[in-house]
Amino acid sequence: MLTCATLLDTYPDLWRDATRHPFLDRCQAGTIEPHQFNTWLTQDYIFVTEFTRFLANGLAAAPVSHFDVLLGGLNAIRDELAWFREKAAERDLSLDSPPQATCETYCQVLASWSVQPYAVQATALWAIELAYNQGWQLPGAMVSPYDEFAQRWGNPGFTDYVKQLEKQADESLAEASETVQRQAEAVFQDVARQEQAFWQMAFVQPG
């Protein structure tokens, strides 16, 4: 039977690339160029707005027993979007900039997952949030001002939320057909690739 743990065990290299990246290491060391971080920040805001839609669609497909966790996630994203706007204002950044190709691709793929069976959506949701959680934790304590970002996604409360998502994904996968489990496995791999590309986008000048 497919579980979140077996996905991590089966694709360790792919997951490492999704959660360990020079962008995060340079944030930890305080050597990231401001324009590189600002690129990530503005593009991540675009992604999170679309991720909000994805989570809302997941709620519509979820069993009632999963509502509390998902509603908690939506409530947290409301605060997160306001926080993004606050950070952008502090850096004098416009959040109306168009998505770069990498961000646009991820958002399109994310939307396509919204029509997949709930077990696939639950697996994708867990993997995306785990990538944020581990990505900001694994480099170690970060210097200011990047410590605030690490705290947002690396704090114990967010870690507990990700564990709850894992439990719900596992419950859904246990009831899924082999075909749906294969779809979930493919989506997990795609999440890892998209996350790696998203970190890398900070180093790419928009064309």
N, C-alpha and C. Protein backbone atom coordinates (compact mmCIF):
# COMPACT_ATOMS: atom_id res chain seq x y z
N MET A 1 0.84 -1.20 0.00
CA MET A 1 0.00 0.00 0.00
C MET A 1 0.87 1.25 0.00
N LEU A 2 0.51 2.20 -0.82
CA LEU A 2 1.27 3.44 -0.92
C LEU A 2 1.00 4.34 0.28
N THR A 3 2.05 4.91 0.84
CA THR A 3 1.93 5.88 1.92
C THR A 3 2.87 7.04 1.64
N CYS A 4 2.70 8.12 2.37
CA CYS A 4 3.60 9.26 2.22
C CYS A 4 5.03 8.86 2.57
N ALA A 5 5.19 8.05 3.59
CA ALA A 5 6.53 7.62 4.00
C ALA A 5 7.21 6.81 2.90
N THR A 6 6.45 5.95 2.23
CA THR A 6 7.07 5.15 1.18
C THR A 6 7.46 6.02 -0.01
N LEU A 7 6.72 7.07 -0.27
CA LEU A 7 7.08 7.99 -1.34
C LEU A 7 8.42 8.66 -1.03
N LEU A 8 8.59 9.10 0.18
CA LEU A 8 9.86 9.73 0.58
C LEU A 8 11.01 8.73 0.51
N ASP A 9 10.73 7.49 0.90
CA ASP A 9 11.77 6.45 0.87
C ASP A 9 12.12 6.03 -0.57
N THR A 10 11.13 6.09 -1.45
CA THR A 10 11.34 5.63 -2.82
C THR A 10 12.08 6.66 -3.67
N TYR A 11 11.89 7.94 -3.35
CA TYR A 11 12.48 9.01 -4.17
C TYR A 11 13.33 9.96 -3.33
N PRO A 12 14.34 9.44 -2.63
CA PRO A 12 15.12 10.31 -1.73
C PRO A 12 15.89 11.40 -2.47
N ASP A 13 16.46 11.09 -3.62
CA ASP A 13 17.25 12.09 -4.35
C ASP A 13 16.35 13.19 -4.90
N LEU A 14 15.21 12.80 -5.43
CA LEU A 14 14.27 13.77 -5.95
C LEU A 14 13.77 14.69 -4.85
N TRP A 15 13.49 14.12 -3.68
CA TRP A 15 13.00 14.94 -2.57
C TRP A 15 14.11 15.82 -2.00
N ARG A 16 15.31 15.32 -1.96
CA ARG A 16 16.44 16.15 -1.50
C ARG A 16 16.55 17.40 -2.37
N ASP A 17 16.44 17.23 -3.67
CA ASP A 17 16.57 18.38 -4.57
C ASP A 17 15.42 19.36 -4.39
N ALA A 18 14.28 18.88 -3.92
CA ALA A 18 13.13 19.76 -3.69
C ALA A 18 13.26 20.57 -2.42
N THR A 19 14.08 20.11 -1.49
CA THR A 19 14.12 20.73 -0.15
C THR A 19 15.50 21.26 0.25
N ARG A 20 16.53 20.94 -0.52
CA ARG A 20 17.86 21.47 -0.28
C ARG A 20 18.32 22.17 -1.55
N HIS A 21 18.51 23.47 -1.47
CA HIS A 21 18.84 24.24 -2.67
C HIS A 21 19.73 25.41 -2.29
N PRO A 22 20.62 25.83 -3.19
CA PRO A 22 21.48 26.99 -2.91
C PRO A 22 20.71 28.24 -2.51
N PHE A 23 19.51 28.41 -3.02
CA PHE A 23 18.70 29.56 -2.60
C PHE A 23 18.51 29.57 -1.09
N LEU A 24 18.13 28.42 -0.54
CA LEU A 24 17.88 28.31 0.89
C LEU A 24 19.19 28.39 1.68
N ASP A 25 20.23 27.79 1.16
CA ASP A 25 21.53 27.85 1.85
C ASP A 25 22.04 29.29 1.92
N ARG A 26 21.81 30.04 0.86
CA ARG A 26 22.27 31.44 0.86
C ARG A 26 21.40 32.32 1.75
N CYS A 27 20.13 31.98 1.87
CA CYS A 27 19.30 32.67 2.86
C CYS A 27 19.84 32.42 4.26
N GLN A 28 20.18 31.17 4.52
CA GLN A 28 20.71 30.80 5.85
C GLN A 28 22.00 31.53 6.15
N ALA A 29 22.84 31.70 5.13
CA ALA A 29 24.14 32.36 5.32
C ALA A 29 24.04 33.88 5.21
N GLY A 30 22.89 34.38 4.75
CA GLY A 30 22.74 35.81 4.57
C GLY A 30 23.42 36.34 3.33
N THR A 31 23.74 35.46 2.36
CA THR A 31 24.46 35.86 1.15
C THR A 31 23.57 35.91 -0.08
N ILE A 32 22.28 35.65 0.07
CA ILE A 32 21.39 35.75 -1.07
C ILE A 32 21.32 37.20 -1.52
N GLU A 33 21.34 37.43 -2.83
CA GLU A 33 21.22 38.79 -3.34
C GLU A 33 19.79 39.28 -3.14
N PRO A 34 19.61 40.54 -2.71
CA PRO A 34 18.25 41.03 -2.47
C PRO A 34 17.32 40.86 -3.66
N HIS A 35 17.82 41.09 -4.87
CA HIS A 35 16.94 40.96 -6.04
C HIS A 35 16.54 39.50 -6.26
N GLN A 36 17.41 38.57 -5.88
CA GLN A 36 17.06 37.16 -6.01
C GLN A 36 15.97 36.78 -5.03
N PHE A 37 16.11 37.24 -3.79
CA PHE A 37 15.08 36.94 -2.80
C PHE A 37 13.76 37.61 -3.19
N ASN A 38 13.84 38.83 -3.69
CA ASN A 38 12.62 39.54 -4.08
C ASN A 38 11.91 38.84 -5.23
N THR A 39 12.69 38.26 -6.13
CA THR A 39 12.08 37.47 -7.21
C THR A 39 11.29 36.32 -6.64
N TRP A 40 11.91 35.58 -5.72
CA TRP A 40 11.20 34.46 -5.10
C TRP A 40 9.95 34.95 -4.38
N LEU A 41 10.06 36.06 -3.63
CA LEU A 41 8.95 36.54 -2.82
C LEU A 41 7.74 36.92 -3.68
N THR A 42 7.96 37.68 -4.73
CA THR A 42 6.84 38.11 -5.57
C THR A 42 6.22 36.93 -6.31
N GLN A 43 7.05 36.01 -6.77
CA GLN A 43 6.52 34.86 -7.49
C GLN A 43 5.81 33.89 -6.54
N ASP A 44 6.31 33.78 -5.32
CA ASP A 44 5.66 32.88 -4.37
C ASP A 44 4.29 33.41 -3.98
N TYR A 45 4.14 34.73 -3.93
CA TYR A 45 2.83 35.30 -3.65
C TYR A 45 1.84 34.87 -4.73
N ILE A 46 2.27 34.93 -5.99
CA ILE A 46 1.40 34.50 -7.09
C ILE A 46 1.02 33.03 -6.92
N PHE A 47 2.02 32.22 -6.59
CA PHE A 47 1.76 30.79 -6.41
C PHE A 47 0.78 30.56 -5.25
N VAL A 48 0.97 31.25 -4.15
CA VAL A 48 0.12 31.02 -2.98
C VAL A 48 -1.32 31.42 -3.27
N THR A 49 -1.54 32.44 -4.08
CA THR A 49 -2.92 32.78 -4.43
C THR A 49 -3.59 31.63 -5.17
N GLU A 50 -2.85 30.98 -6.07
CA GLU A 50 -3.41 29.83 -6.79
C GLU A 50 -3.49 28.60 -5.88
N PHE A 51 -2.55 28.48 -4.97
CA PHE A 51 -2.58 27.38 -4.00
C PHE A 51 -3.82 27.48 -3.11
N THR A 52 -4.26 28.71 -2.83
CA THR A 52 -5.47 28.91 -2.05
C THR A 52 -6.67 28.29 -2.76
N ARG A 53 -6.75 28.50 -4.07
CA ARG A 53 -7.83 27.90 -4.86
C ARG A 53 -7.74 26.36 -4.83
N PHE A 54 -6.50 25.87 -4.94
CA PHE A 54 -6.30 24.42 -4.90
C PHE A 54 -6.78 23.83 -3.58
N LEU A 55 -6.43 24.47 -2.48
CA LEU A 55 -6.84 23.97 -1.17
C LEU A 55 -8.35 24.04 -1.02
N ALA A 56 -8.96 25.10 -1.53
CA ALA A 56 -10.42 25.23 -1.44
C ALA A 56 -11.10 24.12 -2.25
N ASN A 57 -10.55 23.80 -3.42
CA ASN A 57 -11.10 22.70 -4.22
C ASN A 57 -10.94 21.37 -3.50
N GLY A 58 -9.80 21.21 -2.81
CA GLY A 58 -9.59 19.99 -2.05
C GLY A 58 -10.61 19.84 -0.93
N LEU A 59 -10.95 20.94 -0.30
CA LEU A 59 -11.96 20.91 0.75
C LEU A 59 -13.30 20.44 0.20
N ALA A 60 -13.62 20.88 -1.01
CA ALA A 60 -14.89 20.48 -1.62
C ALA A 60 -14.96 18.98 -1.87
N ALA A 61 -13.80 18.36 -2.10
CA ALA A 61 -13.77 16.92 -2.39
C ALA A 61 -13.51 16.06 -1.17
N ALA A 62 -13.13 16.68 -0.06
CA ALA A 62 -12.67 15.94 1.12
C ALA A 62 -13.82 15.35 1.92
N PRO A 63 -13.54 14.26 2.63
CA PRO A 63 -14.53 13.75 3.59
C PRO A 63 -14.68 14.73 4.75
N VAL A 64 -15.83 14.71 5.37
CA VAL A 64 -16.10 15.66 6.46
C VAL A 64 -15.07 15.53 7.58
N SER A 65 -14.56 14.33 7.81
CA SER A 65 -13.57 14.13 8.88
C SER A 65 -12.27 14.89 8.63
N HIS A 66 -12.05 15.34 7.41
CA HIS A 66 -10.83 16.09 7.09
C HIS A 66 -11.05 17.60 7.10
N PHE A 67 -12.28 18.03 7.34
CA PHE A 67 -12.59 19.45 7.23
C PHE A 67 -11.78 20.31 8.20
N ASP A 68 -11.68 19.90 9.45
CA ASP A 68 -11.05 20.76 10.46
C ASP A 68 -9.62 21.13 10.07
N VAL A 69 -8.86 20.15 9.61
CA VAL A 69 -7.47 20.40 9.25
C VAL A 69 -7.40 21.32 8.03
N LEU A 70 -8.23 21.06 7.03
CA LEU A 70 -8.19 21.86 5.80
C LEU A 70 -8.69 23.28 6.04
N LEU A 71 -9.73 23.43 6.85
CA LEU A 71 -10.21 24.76 7.18
C LEU A 71 -9.15 25.54 7.96
N GLY A 72 -8.43 24.85 8.83
CA GLY A 72 -7.32 25.50 9.53
C GLY A 72 -6.26 25.98 8.56
N GLY A 73 -6.00 25.17 7.52
CA GLY A 73 -5.04 25.58 6.51
C GLY A 73 -5.50 26.79 5.73
N LEU A 74 -6.76 26.83 5.37
CA LEU A 74 -7.30 27.99 4.64
C LEU A 74 -7.24 29.25 5.50
N ASN A 75 -7.55 29.11 6.76
CA ASN A 75 -7.48 30.26 7.66
C ASN A 75 -6.06 30.79 7.76
N ALA A 76 -5.09 29.88 7.81
CA ALA A 76 -3.69 30.28 7.90
C ALA A 76 -3.24 30.97 6.61
N ILE A 77 -3.75 30.51 5.46
CA ILE A 77 -3.37 31.12 4.20
C ILE A 77 -3.93 32.54 4.09
N ARG A 78 -5.09 32.78 4.64
CA ARG A 78 -5.62 34.15 4.65
C ARG A 78 -4.63 35.09 5.33
N ASP A 79 -4.11 34.66 6.47
CA ASP A 79 -3.13 35.47 7.18
C ASP A 79 -1.82 35.55 6.39
N GLU A 80 -1.47 34.46 5.72
CA GLU A 80 -0.22 34.42 4.97
C GLU A 80 -0.23 35.38 3.79
N LEU A 81 -1.35 35.47 3.10
CA LEU A 81 -1.45 36.40 1.98
C LEU A 81 -1.31 37.84 2.46
N ALA A 82 -1.91 38.16 3.60
CA ALA A 82 -1.75 39.51 4.16
C ALA A 82 -0.30 39.76 4.56
N TRP A 83 0.35 38.74 5.07
CA TRP A 83 1.76 38.85 5.47
C TRP A 83 2.65 39.08 4.24
N PHE A 84 2.37 38.37 3.15
CA PHE A 84 3.11 38.60 1.91
C PHE A 84 2.99 40.06 1.48
N ARG A 85 1.78 40.60 1.54
CA ARG A 85 1.59 41.98 1.13
C ARG A 85 2.37 42.93 2.02
N GLU A 86 2.42 42.62 3.31
CA GLU A 86 3.19 43.43 4.26
C GLU A 86 4.68 43.38 3.94
N LYS A 87 5.20 42.17 3.67
CA LYS A 87 6.64 42.03 3.35
C LYS A 87 6.98 42.73 2.03
N ALA A 88 6.07 42.66 1.07
CA ALA A 88 6.30 43.32 -0.21
C ALA A 88 6.34 44.84 -0.02
N ALA A 89 5.46 45.36 0.81
CA ALA A 89 5.44 46.80 1.06
C ALA A 89 6.73 47.24 1.73
N GLU A 90 7.23 46.44 2.66
CA GLU A 90 8.49 46.77 3.34
C GLU A 90 9.65 46.84 2.35
N ARG A 91 9.59 46.03 1.29
CA ARG A 91 10.67 45.97 0.31
C ARG A 91 10.37 46.81 -0.94
N ASP A 92 9.25 47.55 -0.89
CA ASP A 92 8.84 48.39 -2.01
C ASP A 92 8.70 47.57 -3.29
N LEU A 93 8.03 46.44 -3.17
CA LEU A 93 7.83 45.53 -4.30
C LEU A 93 6.38 45.56 -4.76
N SER A 94 6.18 45.41 -6.05
CA SER A 94 4.84 45.27 -6.60
C SER A 94 4.49 43.80 -6.69
N LEU A 95 3.31 43.47 -6.22
CA LEU A 95 2.83 42.09 -6.31
C LEU A 95 1.96 41.88 -7.55
N ASP A 96 1.91 42.89 -8.40
CA ASP A 96 1.13 42.79 -9.62
C ASP A 96 1.96 42.36 -10.82
N SER A 97 3.23 42.03 -10.58
CA SER A 97 4.08 41.60 -11.68
C SER A 97 3.59 40.27 -12.23
N PRO A 98 3.78 40.03 -13.52
CA PRO A 98 3.29 38.78 -14.12
C PRO A 98 4.11 37.59 -13.65
N PRO A 99 3.52 36.41 -13.70
CA PRO A 99 4.28 35.22 -13.29
C PRO A 99 5.38 34.91 -14.29
N GLN A 100 6.53 34.49 -13.76
CA GLN A 100 7.57 33.98 -14.64
C GLN A 100 7.13 32.60 -15.14
N ALA A 101 7.83 32.11 -16.16
CA ALA A 101 7.43 30.86 -16.79
C ALA A 101 7.36 29.70 -15.80
N THR A 102 8.35 29.63 -14.90
CA THR A 102 8.38 28.54 -13.91
C THR A 102 7.17 28.60 -13.00
N CYS A 103 6.84 29.80 -12.53
CA CYS A 103 5.68 29.97 -11.66
C CYS A 103 4.39 29.67 -12.41
N GLU A 104 4.29 30.16 -13.61
CA GLU A 104 3.08 29.93 -14.41
C GLU A 104 2.86 28.43 -14.64
N THR A 105 3.94 27.73 -14.94
CA THR A 105 3.83 26.29 -15.15
C THR A 105 3.35 25.58 -13.89
N TYR A 106 3.93 25.94 -12.75
CA TYR A 106 3.53 25.30 -11.49
C TYR A 106 2.06 25.58 -11.21
N CYS A 107 1.62 26.81 -11.43
CA CYS A 107 0.23 27.15 -11.17
C CYS A 107 -0.71 26.37 -12.09
N GLN A 108 -0.31 26.19 -13.34
CA GLN A 108 -1.13 25.42 -14.27
C GLN A 108 -1.20 23.95 -13.86
N VAL A 109 -0.07 23.40 -13.46
CA VAL A 109 -0.05 22.01 -13.00
C VAL A 109 -0.90 21.86 -11.74
N LEU A 110 -0.79 22.83 -10.85
CA LEU A 110 -1.57 22.81 -9.61
C LEU A 110 -3.07 22.78 -9.92
N ALA A 111 -3.48 23.60 -10.86
CA ALA A 111 -4.90 23.62 -11.24
C ALA A 111 -5.35 22.28 -11.81
N SER A 112 -4.46 21.63 -12.56
CA SER A 112 -4.81 20.33 -13.14
C SER A 112 -5.00 19.26 -12.06
N TRP A 113 -4.31 19.40 -10.95
CA TRP A 113 -4.46 18.43 -9.87
C TRP A 113 -5.81 18.57 -9.17
N SER A 114 -6.45 19.73 -9.29
CA SER A 114 -7.72 19.96 -8.61
C SER A 114 -8.83 19.08 -9.13
N VAL A 115 -8.66 18.53 -10.32
CA VAL A 115 -9.70 17.66 -10.88
C VAL A 115 -9.34 16.18 -10.71
N GLN A 116 -8.23 15.90 -10.03
CA GLN A 116 -7.83 14.53 -9.76
C GLN A 116 -8.62 13.99 -8.56
N PRO A 117 -8.65 12.68 -8.36
CA PRO A 117 -9.30 12.11 -7.17
C PRO A 117 -8.74 12.71 -5.88
N TYR A 118 -9.56 12.72 -4.86
CA TYR A 118 -9.16 13.38 -3.62
C TYR A 118 -7.85 12.83 -3.06
N ALA A 119 -7.61 11.54 -3.16
CA ALA A 119 -6.36 10.98 -2.63
C ALA A 119 -5.15 11.60 -3.32
N VAL A 120 -5.27 11.91 -4.60
CA VAL A 120 -4.19 12.56 -5.33
C VAL A 120 -4.02 13.99 -4.83
N GLN A 121 -5.13 14.69 -4.66
CA GLN A 121 -5.07 16.06 -4.15
C GLN A 121 -4.46 16.11 -2.75
N ALA A 122 -4.87 15.17 -1.90
CA ALA A 122 -4.36 15.14 -0.53
C ALA A 122 -2.86 14.87 -0.50
N THR A 123 -2.39 14.01 -1.40
CA THR A 123 -0.96 13.73 -1.49
C THR A 123 -0.20 14.96 -1.96
N ALA A 124 -0.74 15.64 -2.96
CA ALA A 124 -0.09 16.85 -3.46
C ALA A 124 -0.04 17.93 -2.38
N LEU A 125 -1.13 18.11 -1.67
CA LEU A 125 -1.18 19.12 -0.61
C LEU A 125 -0.13 18.84 0.45
N TRP A 126 -0.07 17.62 0.89
CA TRP A 126 0.94 17.25 1.90
C TRP A 126 2.35 17.50 1.36
N ALA A 127 2.63 17.08 0.13
CA ALA A 127 3.98 17.22 -0.41
C ALA A 127 4.39 18.67 -0.57
N ILE A 128 3.48 19.52 -1.02
CA ILE A 128 3.79 20.94 -1.19
C ILE A 128 4.11 21.57 0.16
N GLU A 129 3.28 21.30 1.15
CA GLU A 129 3.51 21.91 2.46
C GLU A 129 4.76 21.33 3.13
N LEU A 130 5.03 20.05 2.91
CA LEU A 130 6.24 19.46 3.47
C LEU A 130 7.48 20.08 2.84
N ALA A 131 7.42 20.37 1.55
CA ALA A 131 8.56 21.00 0.88
C ALA A 131 8.87 22.36 1.49
N TYR A 132 7.85 23.14 1.78
CA TYR A 132 8.05 24.42 2.47
C TYR A 132 8.63 24.18 3.86
N ASN A 133 8.01 23.27 4.59
CA ASN A 133 8.40 23.01 5.96
C ASN A 133 9.85 22.57 6.08
N GLN A 134 10.23 21.56 5.30
CA GLN A 134 11.60 21.06 5.36
C GLN A 134 12.59 22.01 4.70
N GLY A 135 12.16 22.65 3.61
CA GLY A 135 13.06 23.56 2.92
C GLY A 135 13.56 24.67 3.82
N TRP A 136 12.69 25.21 4.64
CA TRP A 136 13.08 26.31 5.52
C TRP A 136 13.68 25.83 6.83
N GLN A 137 13.57 24.54 7.14
CA GLN A 137 14.15 23.99 8.36
C GLN A 137 15.57 23.46 8.15
N LEU A 138 15.78 22.74 7.04
CA LEU A 138 16.99 21.94 6.86
C LEU A 138 18.29 22.74 6.84
N PRO A 139 18.33 23.96 6.31
CA PRO A 139 19.61 24.66 6.33
C PRO A 139 20.09 25.03 7.74
N GLY A 140 19.18 25.07 8.69
CA GLY A 140 19.53 25.49 10.05
C GLY A 140 19.08 26.91 10.29
N ALA A 141 19.41 27.44 11.45
CA ALA A 141 18.97 28.78 11.84
C ALA A 141 19.44 29.81 10.82
N MET A 142 18.52 30.70 10.44
CA MET A 142 18.83 31.70 9.43
C MET A 142 19.04 33.07 10.07
N VAL A 143 19.79 33.89 9.36
CA VAL A 143 20.06 35.25 9.85
C VAL A 143 18.90 36.16 9.43
N SER A 144 18.80 37.31 10.09
CA SER A 144 17.81 38.32 9.74
C SER A 144 18.13 38.89 8.36
N PRO A 145 17.13 39.18 7.54
CA PRO A 145 15.69 39.11 7.78
C PRO A 145 15.07 37.77 7.39
N TYR A 146 15.89 36.81 6.99
CA TYR A 146 15.35 35.56 6.45
C TYR A 146 14.88 34.62 7.56
N ASP A 147 15.27 34.90 8.79
CA ASP A 147 14.80 34.08 9.91
C ASP A 147 13.29 34.17 10.06
N GLU A 148 12.72 35.31 9.71
CA GLU A 148 11.26 35.45 9.80
C GLU A 148 10.56 34.51 8.84
N PHE A 149 11.12 34.33 7.66
CA PHE A 149 10.52 33.43 6.68
C PHE A 149 10.69 31.97 7.12
N ALA A 150 11.86 31.67 7.66
CA ALA A 150 12.09 30.31 8.17
C ALA A 150 11.14 29.98 9.31
N GLN A 151 10.88 30.97 10.15
CA GLN A 151 9.97 30.75 11.27
C GLN A 151 8.55 30.52 10.79
N ARG A 152 8.14 31.19 9.74
CA ARG A 152 6.76 31.04 9.25
C ARG A 152 6.48 29.62 8.80
N TRP A 153 7.42 29.00 8.08
CA TRP A 153 7.16 27.66 7.53
C TRP A 153 7.91 26.55 8.27
N GLY A 154 8.80 26.94 9.17
CA GLY A 154 9.56 25.92 9.89
C GLY A 154 9.19 25.79 11.35
N ASN A 155 8.18 26.54 11.79
CA ASN A 155 7.84 26.53 13.21
C ASN A 155 7.12 25.23 13.58
N PRO A 156 7.11 24.87 14.88
CA PRO A 156 6.51 23.60 15.31
C PRO A 156 5.04 23.46 14.93
N GLY A 157 4.29 24.57 14.97
CA GLY A 157 2.88 24.50 14.62
C GLY A 157 2.67 24.10 13.17
N PHE A 158 3.48 24.66 12.28
CA PHE A 158 3.36 24.31 10.87
C PHE A 158 3.80 22.86 10.66
N THR A 159 4.83 22.44 11.38
CA THR A 159 5.27 21.04 11.29
C THR A 159 4.16 20.10 11.70
N ASP A 160 3.43 20.43 12.77
CA ASP A 160 2.30 19.60 13.21
C ASP A 160 1.21 19.57 12.15
N TYR A 161 0.96 20.70 11.50
CA TYR A 161 -0.04 20.77 10.44
C TYR A 161 0.33 19.83 9.30
N VAL A 162 1.60 19.83 8.91
CA VAL A 162 2.06 18.94 7.84
C VAL A 162 1.88 17.48 8.23
N LYS A 163 2.12 17.15 9.49
CA LYS A 163 1.92 15.78 9.95
C LYS A 163 0.44 15.39 9.87
N GLN A 164 -0.45 16.34 10.16
CA GLN A 164 -1.88 16.06 10.03
C GLN A 164 -2.25 15.83 8.56
N LEU A 165 -1.66 16.60 7.68
CA LEU A 165 -1.91 16.40 6.25
C LEU A 165 -1.40 15.04 5.79
N GLU A 166 -0.27 14.61 6.33
CA GLU A 166 0.26 13.29 5.99
C GLU A 166 -0.71 12.20 6.43
N LYS A 167 -1.24 12.33 7.61
CA LYS A 167 -2.20 11.33 8.12
C LYS A 167 -3.42 11.27 7.22
N GLN A 168 -3.91 12.43 6.80
CA GLN A 168 -5.10 12.45 5.95
C GLN A 168 -4.80 11.89 4.56
N ALA A 169 -3.62 12.19 4.04
CA ALA A 169 -3.23 11.64 2.74
C ALA A 169 -3.13 10.12 2.83
N ASP A 170 -2.51 9.62 3.89
CA ASP A 170 -2.38 8.17 4.06
C ASP A 170 -3.75 7.50 4.16
N GLU A 171 -4.67 8.12 4.89
CA GLU A 171 -6.02 7.56 5.00
C GLU A 171 -6.68 7.48 3.63
N SER A 172 -6.50 8.51 2.82
CA SER A 172 -7.11 8.54 1.50
C SER A 172 -6.46 7.54 0.56
N LEU A 173 -5.15 7.43 0.63
CA LEU A 173 -4.44 6.47 -0.22
C LEU A 173 -4.81 5.03 0.13
N ALA A 174 -5.07 4.78 1.41
CA ALA A 174 -5.42 3.42 1.84
C ALA A 174 -6.74 2.95 1.22
N GLU A 175 -7.60 3.90 0.88
CA GLU A 175 -8.90 3.56 0.31
C GLU A 175 -8.91 3.68 -1.22
N ALA A 176 -7.77 4.10 -1.79
CA ALA A 176 -7.71 4.37 -3.22
C ALA A 176 -7.38 3.11 -4.02
N SER A 177 -7.79 3.11 -5.26
CA SER A 177 -7.44 2.00 -6.15
C SER A 177 -5.96 2.08 -6.52
N GLU A 178 -5.47 1.01 -7.11
CA GLU A 178 -4.07 1.02 -7.56
C GLU A 178 -3.83 2.11 -8.60
N THR A 179 -4.80 2.33 -9.45
CA THR A 179 -4.66 3.37 -10.47
C THR A 179 -4.52 4.74 -9.83
N VAL A 180 -5.34 5.03 -8.85
CA VAL A 180 -5.27 6.33 -8.16
C VAL A 180 -3.97 6.44 -7.38
N GLN A 181 -3.52 5.35 -6.78
CA GLN A 181 -2.25 5.38 -6.07
C GLN A 181 -1.10 5.69 -7.02
N ARG A 182 -1.14 5.15 -8.22
CA ARG A 182 -0.10 5.46 -9.21
C ARG A 182 -0.16 6.93 -9.62
N GLN A 183 -1.36 7.46 -9.72
CA GLN A 183 -1.51 8.88 -10.03
C GLN A 183 -0.92 9.74 -8.91
N ALA A 184 -1.17 9.34 -7.67
CA ALA A 184 -0.63 10.07 -6.53
C ALA A 184 0.89 10.02 -6.51
N GLU A 185 1.43 8.87 -6.85
CA GLU A 185 2.89 8.72 -6.89
C GLU A 185 3.49 9.64 -7.96
N ALA A 186 2.84 9.72 -9.10
CA ALA A 186 3.33 10.59 -10.18
C ALA A 186 3.24 12.06 -9.76
N VAL A 187 2.18 12.42 -9.07
CA VAL A 187 2.02 13.80 -8.63
C VAL A 187 3.08 14.15 -7.58
N PHE A 188 3.38 13.23 -6.69
CA PHE A 188 4.44 13.47 -5.71
C PHE A 188 5.76 13.80 -6.41
N GLN A 189 6.09 13.02 -7.42
CA GLN A 189 7.32 13.28 -8.17
C GLN A 189 7.28 14.65 -8.85
N ASP A 190 6.11 14.99 -9.37
CA ASP A 190 5.98 16.28 -10.04
C ASP A 190 6.10 17.43 -9.05
N VAL A 191 5.52 17.29 -7.86
CA VAL A 191 5.69 18.32 -6.83
C VAL A 191 7.17 18.55 -6.56
N ALA A 192 7.92 17.48 -6.39
CA ALA A 192 9.35 17.61 -6.09
C ALA A 192 10.06 18.37 -7.20
N ARG A 193 9.77 18.04 -8.44
CA ARG A 193 10.43 18.72 -9.56
C ARG A 193 10.02 20.19 -9.64
N GLN A 194 8.75 20.45 -9.43
CA GLN A 194 8.28 21.84 -9.48
C GLN A 194 8.88 22.67 -8.35
N GLU A 195 9.02 22.08 -7.17
CA GLU A 195 9.59 22.82 -6.05
C GLU A 195 11.06 23.15 -6.30
N GLN A 196 11.80 22.20 -6.84
CA GLN A 196 13.21 22.45 -7.14
C GLN A 196 13.33 23.59 -8.15
N ALA A 197 12.48 23.55 -9.18
CA ALA A 197 12.52 24.59 -10.20
C ALA A 197 12.13 25.95 -9.64
N PHE A 198 11.24 25.95 -8.67
CA PHE A 198 10.78 27.22 -8.10
C PHE A 198 11.90 27.89 -7.31
N TRP A 199 12.66 27.13 -6.52
CA TRP A 199 13.82 27.72 -5.83
C TRP A 199 14.81 28.27 -6.85
N GLN A 200 15.04 27.49 -7.90
CA GLN A 200 16.02 27.87 -8.91
C GLN A 200 15.61 29.15 -9.65
N MET A 201 14.34 29.39 -9.74
CA MET A 201 13.83 30.56 -10.46
C MET A 201 14.41 31.87 -9.93
N ALA A 202 14.78 31.90 -8.67
CA ALA A 202 15.34 33.12 -8.09
C ALA A 202 16.62 33.55 -8.77
N PHE A 203 17.31 32.58 -9.39
CA PHE A 203 18.60 32.87 -10.04
C PHE A 203 18.46 33.12 -11.54
N VAL A 204 17.24 33.09 -12.04
CA VAL A 204 17.01 33.23 -13.48
C VAL A 204 16.44 34.61 -13.77
N GLN A 205 17.06 35.33 -14.67
CA GLN A 205 16.52 36.62 -15.09
C GLN A 205 15.31 36.38 -15.97
N PRO A 206 14.20 37.07 -15.68
CA PRO A 206 13.01 36.86 -16.52
C PRO A 206 13.27 37.25 -17.96
N GLY A 207 12.77 36.41 -18.88
CA GLY A 207 13.00 36.66 -20.29
C GLY A 207 11.91 37.50 -20.92
